[in-house]
Structures are given as structure tokens and as C-alpha cells.
Protein backbone atom coordinates (compact mmCIF):
# COMPACT_ATOMS: atom_id res chain seq x y z
CA MET A 1 0.01 0.00 0.00
CA LEU A 2 1.40 3.38 -1.01
CA ARG A 3 1.16 6.31 1.38
CA HIS A 4 0.80 9.85 0.16
CA VAL A 5 3.29 12.11 1.94
CA ASN A 6 2.66 15.85 1.98
CA SER A 7 5.80 17.37 0.34
CA ASN A 8 5.66 20.28 2.81
CA GLN A 9 6.46 17.83 5.61
CA ASN A 10 9.77 17.01 3.99
CA ARG A 11 10.89 20.61 3.62
CA GLU A 12 12.48 22.51 6.45
CA ALA A 13 11.13 25.95 7.09
CA LYS A 14 13.28 28.69 5.68
CA MET A 15 15.07 30.66 8.36
CA ALA A 16 15.84 34.33 7.78
CA LYS A 17 17.69 36.94 9.82
CA TYR A 18 15.44 39.74 11.08
CA TYR A 19 16.28 43.21 12.37
CA VAL A 20 14.34 46.06 13.91
CA ASN A 21 14.93 49.70 13.26
CA LYS A 22 16.07 51.39 16.48
CA ASN A 23 14.56 54.69 15.23
CA ALA A 24 10.79 54.95 15.19
CA GLN A 25 9.00 56.23 12.12
CA ASP A 26 6.88 59.38 12.32
CA ASN A 27 3.90 57.28 13.49
CA GLY A 28 5.95 55.75 16.32
CA ASP A 29 6.45 52.28 14.71
CA HIS A 30 9.75 50.48 14.78
CA GLU A 31 9.89 48.54 11.49
CA VAL A 32 11.04 44.93 11.33
CA HIS A 33 13.08 43.95 8.27
CA GLU A 34 14.26 40.68 6.80
CA GLN A 35 17.97 40.68 5.95
CA GLY A 36 18.50 41.88 2.38
CA CYS A 37 15.49 44.20 2.33
CA SER A 38 16.16 47.20 0.06
CA ARG A 39 14.48 49.45 2.68
CA MET A 40 16.63 48.50 5.65
CA PRO A 41 18.10 51.46 7.53
CA SER A 42 21.82 51.89 8.03
CA GLU A 43 23.59 49.30 10.14
CA GLN A 44 24.02 51.61 13.21
CA ASN A 45 20.21 51.95 13.34
CA LEU A 46 19.55 48.20 13.36
CA GLN A 47 19.06 45.79 16.24
CA TYR A 48 19.45 42.13 15.39
CA LEU A 49 16.38 40.13 16.48
CA GLY A 50 17.47 36.63 15.51
CA ASP A 51 16.67 33.94 12.92
CA PHE A 52 12.99 33.20 12.41
CA THR A 53 10.89 31.20 9.95
CA ASN A 54 8.27 33.97 9.74
CA CYS A 55 7.84 37.68 10.36
CA GLN A 56 5.19 37.21 13.02
CA ASP A 57 7.80 35.74 15.38
CA ALA A 58 10.24 38.46 14.49
CA VAL A 59 7.71 41.22 15.22
CA ARG A 60 6.83 39.49 18.52
CA ALA A 61 10.56 39.58 19.43
CA ALA A 62 10.82 43.27 18.46
CA LYS A 63 7.83 44.13 20.65
CA LYS A 64 9.80 42.97 23.73
CA THR A 65 11.99 46.03 23.24
CA TYR A 66 9.77 48.27 21.12
CA PRO A 67 6.12 47.62 21.92
CA GLN A 68 5.04 49.58 18.83
CA SER A 69 6.66 47.43 16.16
CA ASN A 70 5.42 46.60 12.70
CA GLY A 71 6.56 44.54 9.74
CA CYS A 72 8.10 46.35 6.76
CA TYR A 73 5.69 46.87 3.91
CA TYR A 74 8.23 45.57 1.39
CA CYS A 75 9.94 42.55 3.02
CA SER A 76 7.48 41.57 5.80
CA ASN A 77 4.20 42.64 4.26
CA GLU A 78 2.11 39.96 5.92
CA CYS A 79 3.14 41.58 9.24
CA HIS A 80 2.60 45.16 8.07
CA THR A 81 -0.45 46.54 9.85
CA GLN A 82 -0.75 50.04 8.49
């Protein structure tokens, strides 16, 4: 008997490095960026958050330091709330 195996079960989740902007935007948000984002601020304005498989976990980590954090519209759009 053959068993159907979901191909997603065999793939490891992609890990990405995430950073939060130390400087708030005009609306008070600290944006969370995935490494390589074209909209990342300069290095001295970044705080490394860690490696995550999704932006939700990265934003949750950012909120420990910056309660008003939000995903970048460009690289973490599914976590962008405004």
C-alpha cells in the first residue's frame, strides 16, 4: 500500500535573519526587516532580532524592546499593519 506524503512535511522551514529599526517612524512604529530588504536602515540603526521562519515571530521579538513594532511593507508585508 502506498502512502501519500505531503511534500511540505519534507521541507524545512526557511530561516531568515530579522532586524528592527532602532529609530521609530513618524507614526511611532519600529519597522522589522528581513535581511537583504532594500528598505533596511543603516547598520548603526539596526538591532538584530534573530533567525526566524516567519515575520510574526520576528515582530513578537521586536515588541519585547519596542512595543510599537510593525513589519516592513516591502519585506514583511504579511506583518505590516498600516
